[in-house]
Amino acid sequence: MKKGIENTSMNDIAKASGYVLVEYQEEYPFYFQMLLETIRIDFETTNFLPEEKETFLIGEQINDLLSDFLKSGIDKGDFRSDIEIFFA
């Protein structure tokens, strides 16, 4: 039986979204790895738009948040401990 929106906690949502990430990583490892690749940009010597730098920096913040989320889930036992986290 489904809980419904009124009875769904943020923890329920976080667990469900984490499982989706894990499923995506397992089903599409190549694409998942591409999402996690390090992009090396030298903002001091490269011509770029300010929006490109902002987009890059926001992406790095998202990576940090996802990494923290996954590490926390592994530590709490919500996620398997053998899941490899590719970003810092």
Protein backbone atom coordinates (compact mmCIF):
# COMPACT_ATOMS: atom_id res chain seq x y z
CA MET A 1 0.00 0.00 0.00
CA LYS A 2 1.35 3.41 -0.93
CA LYS A 3 1.67 6.04 1.78
CA GLY A 4 0.44 8.98 -0.23
CA ILE A 5 1.97 12.43 -0.34
CA GLU A 6 0.73 13.41 3.12
CA ASN A 7 2.50 10.47 4.76
CA THR A 8 5.74 10.52 2.80
CA SER A 9 8.79 11.84 4.63
CA MET A 10 11.81 13.58 3.18
CA ASN A 11 13.81 10.49 4.15
CA ASP A 12 11.49 8.36 2.00
CA ILE A 13 12.06 10.69 -0.94
CA ALA A 14 15.84 10.75 -0.40
CA LYS A 15 16.00 6.96 -0.24
CA ALA A 16 13.95 6.61 -3.41
CA SER A 17 16.07 9.12 -5.30
CA GLY A 18 19.24 7.40 -4.11
CA TYR A 19 17.99 4.08 -5.39
CA VAL A 20 17.28 5.65 -8.76
CA LEU A 21 20.88 6.91 -8.94
CA VAL A 22 22.20 3.47 -8.05
CA GLU A 23 19.97 1.80 -10.62
CA TYR A 24 21.10 4.28 -13.28
CA GLN A 25 24.74 3.68 -12.36
CA GLU A 26 24.28 -0.09 -12.62
CA GLU A 27 22.20 -0.07 -15.82
CA TYR A 28 24.20 2.59 -17.69
CA PRO A 29 27.73 2.56 -16.24
CA PHE A 30 29.27 4.22 -19.30
CA TYR A 31 26.87 7.16 -19.24
CA PHE A 32 27.03 7.44 -15.46
CA GLN A 33 30.82 7.60 -15.63
CA MET A 34 30.65 10.27 -18.33
CA LEU A 35 28.53 12.40 -15.99
CA LEU A 36 31.22 12.11 -13.36
CA GLU A 37 34.25 12.81 -15.51
CA THR A 38 36.49 15.60 -14.35
CA ILE A 39 36.33 18.63 -16.55
CA ARG A 40 39.57 20.54 -16.44
CA ILE A 41 39.05 24.21 -17.21
CA ASP A 42 41.62 26.91 -16.69
CA PHE A 43 39.52 29.98 -16.09
CA GLU A 44 42.63 32.16 -16.00
CA THR A 45 43.87 31.51 -19.55
CA THR A 46 40.87 30.21 -21.49
CA ASN A 47 38.30 32.33 -23.29
CA PHE A 48 34.89 31.58 -21.80
CA LEU A 49 31.59 33.24 -21.06
CA PRO A 50 30.79 34.14 -17.43
CA GLU A 51 27.77 31.84 -17.72
CA GLU A 52 30.07 28.92 -18.59
CA LYS A 53 32.11 29.45 -15.44
CA GLU A 54 28.96 29.77 -13.34
CA THR A 55 27.52 26.59 -14.85
CA PHE A 56 30.75 24.72 -14.16
CA LEU A 57 30.91 25.93 -10.55
CA ILE A 58 27.28 25.01 -9.91
CA GLY A 59 27.96 21.56 -11.38
CA GLU A 60 30.85 21.12 -8.97
CA GLN A 61 28.56 22.06 -6.06
CA ILE A 62 25.98 19.52 -7.25
CA ASN A 63 28.71 16.85 -7.44
CA ASP A 64 29.72 17.63 -3.85
CA LEU A 65 26.12 17.40 -2.65
CA LEU A 66 25.54 14.11 -4.47
CA SER A 67 28.75 12.70 -3.06
CA ASP A 68 27.78 13.71 0.49
CA PHE A 69 24.31 12.24 -0.02
CA LEU A 70 25.66 8.91 -1.27
CA LYS A 71 28.35 8.69 1.43
CA SER A 72 25.77 9.43 4.10
CA GLY A 73 23.46 6.76 2.70
CA ILE A 74 26.28 4.22 2.70
CA ASP A 75 27.26 5.14 6.28
CA LYS A 76 23.64 4.79 7.45
CA GLY A 77 23.22 1.47 5.67
CA ASP A 78 20.63 2.83 3.23
CA PHE A 79 22.92 2.05 0.29
CA ARG A 80 25.23 -0.87 -0.31
CA SER A 81 28.78 -0.33 0.91
CA ASP A 82 30.30 -1.61 -2.34
CA ILE A 83 28.96 1.30 -4.41
CA GLU A 84 31.88 3.22 -5.83
CA ILE A 85 31.59 6.99 -5.64
CA PHE A 86 33.59 8.54 -8.44
CA PHE A 87 33.55 12.18 -7.40
CA ALA A 88 34.88 13.86 -4.28
